[in-house]
């Protein structure tokens, strides 16, 4: 079982906004940035758990931190 759940793209955007990322643009993906750090979140529901884990890792979050922000 993955350590990060698969969630909707809206929930993912909310989590990353809590840690300082802002939405830069939206299309087939949501692009969020914090300084020079950029995250690309697919716009489909649910986002597969393994994909979500990779995005959270790029943002610098551990699985425990990510789950606590949900």
C-alpha atoms as a PDB file:
ATOM      1  CA  UNK A   1       0.000   0.000   0.000  1.00  0.00           C
ATOM      2  CA  UNK A   2       1.403   3.440  -0.908  1.00  0.00           C
ATOM      3  CA  UNK A   3       2.256   5.696   1.989  1.00  0.00           C
ATOM      4  CA  UNK A   4       0.495   8.685   0.359  1.00  0.00           C
ATOM      5  CA  UNK A   5      -3.143   8.361  -0.710  1.00  0.00           C
ATOM      6  CA  UNK A   6      -4.436   9.119  -4.178  1.00  0.00           C
ATOM      7  CA  UNK A   7      -6.425  12.373  -3.921  1.00  0.00           C
ATOM      8  CA  UNK A   8      -8.253  14.830  -6.158  1.00  0.00           C
ATOM      9  CA  UNK A   9      -6.306  17.603  -7.858  1.00  0.00           C
ATOM     10  CA  UNK A  10      -8.229  20.245  -5.857  1.00  0.00           C
ATOM     11  CA  UNK A  11      -7.113  18.683  -2.575  1.00  0.00           C
ATOM     12  CA  UNK A  12      -3.537  18.525  -3.843  1.00  0.00           C
ATOM     13  CA  UNK A  13      -3.582  22.220  -4.765  1.00  0.00           C
ATOM     14  CA  UNK A  14      -4.931  23.092  -1.293  1.00  0.00           C
ATOM     15  CA  UNK A  15      -2.147  21.122   0.423  1.00  0.00           C
ATOM     16  CA  UNK A  16       0.590  22.812  -1.566  1.00  0.00           C
ATOM     17  CA  UNK A  17      -0.958  26.263  -1.077  1.00  0.00           C
ATOM     18  CA  UNK A  18      -0.724  25.670   2.682  1.00  0.00           C
ATOM     19  CA  UNK A  19       3.069  25.376   2.401  1.00  0.00           C
ATOM     20  CA  UNK A  20       3.526  28.459   0.246  1.00  0.00           C
ATOM     21  CA  UNK A  21       3.093  27.339  -3.371  1.00  0.00           C
ATOM     22  CA  UNK A  22       0.971  29.510  -5.665  1.00  0.00           C
ATOM     23  CA  UNK A  23      -0.816  28.573  -8.879  1.00  0.00           C
ATOM     24  CA  UNK A  24       1.069  29.995 -11.874  1.00  0.00           C
ATOM     25  CA  UNK A  25      -1.088  28.590 -14.675  1.00  0.00           C
ATOM     26  CA  UNK A  26      -3.695  25.956 -15.402  1.00  0.00           C
ATOM     27  CA  UNK A  27      -4.466  23.846 -18.442  1.00  0.00           C
ATOM     28  CA  UNK A  28      -4.261  20.079 -18.626  1.00  0.00           C
ATOM     29  CA  UNK A  29      -1.971  20.412 -15.597  1.00  0.00           C
ATOM     30  CA  UNK A  30      -1.812  22.869 -12.712  1.00  0.00           C
ATOM     31  CA  UNK A  31       1.616  24.489 -12.446  1.00  0.00           C
ATOM     32  CA  UNK A  32       2.502  25.736  -8.968  1.00  0.00           C
ATOM     33  CA  UNK A  33       5.648  27.528  -7.879  1.00  0.00           C
ATOM     34  CA  UNK A  34       7.409  28.648  -4.718  1.00  0.00           C
ATOM     35  CA  UNK A  35      10.460  30.683  -5.644  1.00  0.00           C
ATOM     36  CA  UNK A  36      12.366  28.592  -8.176  1.00  0.00           C
ATOM     37  CA  UNK A  37      10.720  25.335  -7.108  1.00  0.00           C
ATOM     38  CA  UNK A  38       7.992  24.211  -9.539  1.00  0.00           C
ATOM     39  CA  UNK A  39       5.351  21.490  -9.173  1.00  0.00           C
ATOM     40  CA  UNK A  40       3.227  20.102 -12.011  1.00  0.00           C
ATOM     41  CA  UNK A  41      -0.056  18.536 -10.873  1.00  0.00           C
ATOM     42  CA  UNK A  42      -2.210  16.606 -13.367  1.00  0.00           C
ATOM     43  CA  UNK A  43      -5.854  17.673 -13.583  1.00  0.00           C
ATOM     44  CA  UNK A  44      -7.606  14.344 -13.213  1.00  0.00           C
ATOM     45  CA  UNK A  45      -9.333  12.702 -10.302  1.00  0.00           C
ATOM     46  CA  UNK A  46      -8.028  10.892  -8.433  1.00  0.00           C
ATOM     47  CA  UNK A  47      -4.329  11.473  -8.916  1.00  0.00           C
ATOM     48  CA  UNK A  48      -2.671   8.061  -8.606  1.00  0.00           C
ATOM     49  CA  UNK A  49      -0.988   7.521  -5.225  1.00  0.00           C
ATOM     50  CA  UNK A  50       2.473   6.933  -6.734  1.00  0.00           C
ATOM     51  CA  UNK A  51       2.250  10.131  -8.783  1.00  0.00           C
ATOM     52  CA  UNK A  52       1.092  12.066  -5.724  1.00  0.00           C
ATOM     53  CA  UNK A  53       4.004  10.647  -3.732  1.00  0.00           C
ATOM     54  CA  UNK A  54       6.483  11.873  -6.328  1.00  0.00           C
ATOM     55  CA  UNK A  55       4.961  15.351  -6.375  1.00  0.00           C
ATOM     56  CA  UNK A  56       5.035  15.551  -2.568  1.00  0.00           C
ATOM     57  CA  UNK A  57       8.670  14.408  -2.537  1.00  0.00           C
ATOM     58  CA  UNK A  58       9.548  17.139  -5.053  1.00  0.00           C
ATOM     59  CA  UNK A  59       7.864  19.665  -2.742  1.00  0.00           C
ATOM     60  CA  UNK A  60      10.039  18.437   0.132  1.00  0.00           C
ATOM     61  CA  UNK A  61       7.281  16.741   2.131  1.00  0.00           C
ATOM     62  CA  UNK A  62       7.499  13.395   3.855  1.00  0.00           C
ATOM     63  CA  UNK A  63       4.444  11.114   3.617  1.00  0.00           C
ATOM     64  CA  UNK A  64       3.558  11.929   7.243  1.00  0.00           C
ATOM     65  CA  UNK A  65       3.750  15.688   6.637  1.00  0.00           C
ATOM     66  CA  UNK A  66       1.634  15.368   3.497  1.00  0.00           C
ATOM     67  CA  UNK A  67      -1.087  13.351   5.267  1.00  0.00           C
ATOM     68  CA  UNK A  68      -1.188  15.843   8.144  1.00  0.00           C
ATOM     69  CA  UNK A  69      -1.855  18.701   5.692  1.00  0.00           C
ATOM     70  CA  UNK A  70      -4.840  16.963   4.055  1.00  0.00           C
END
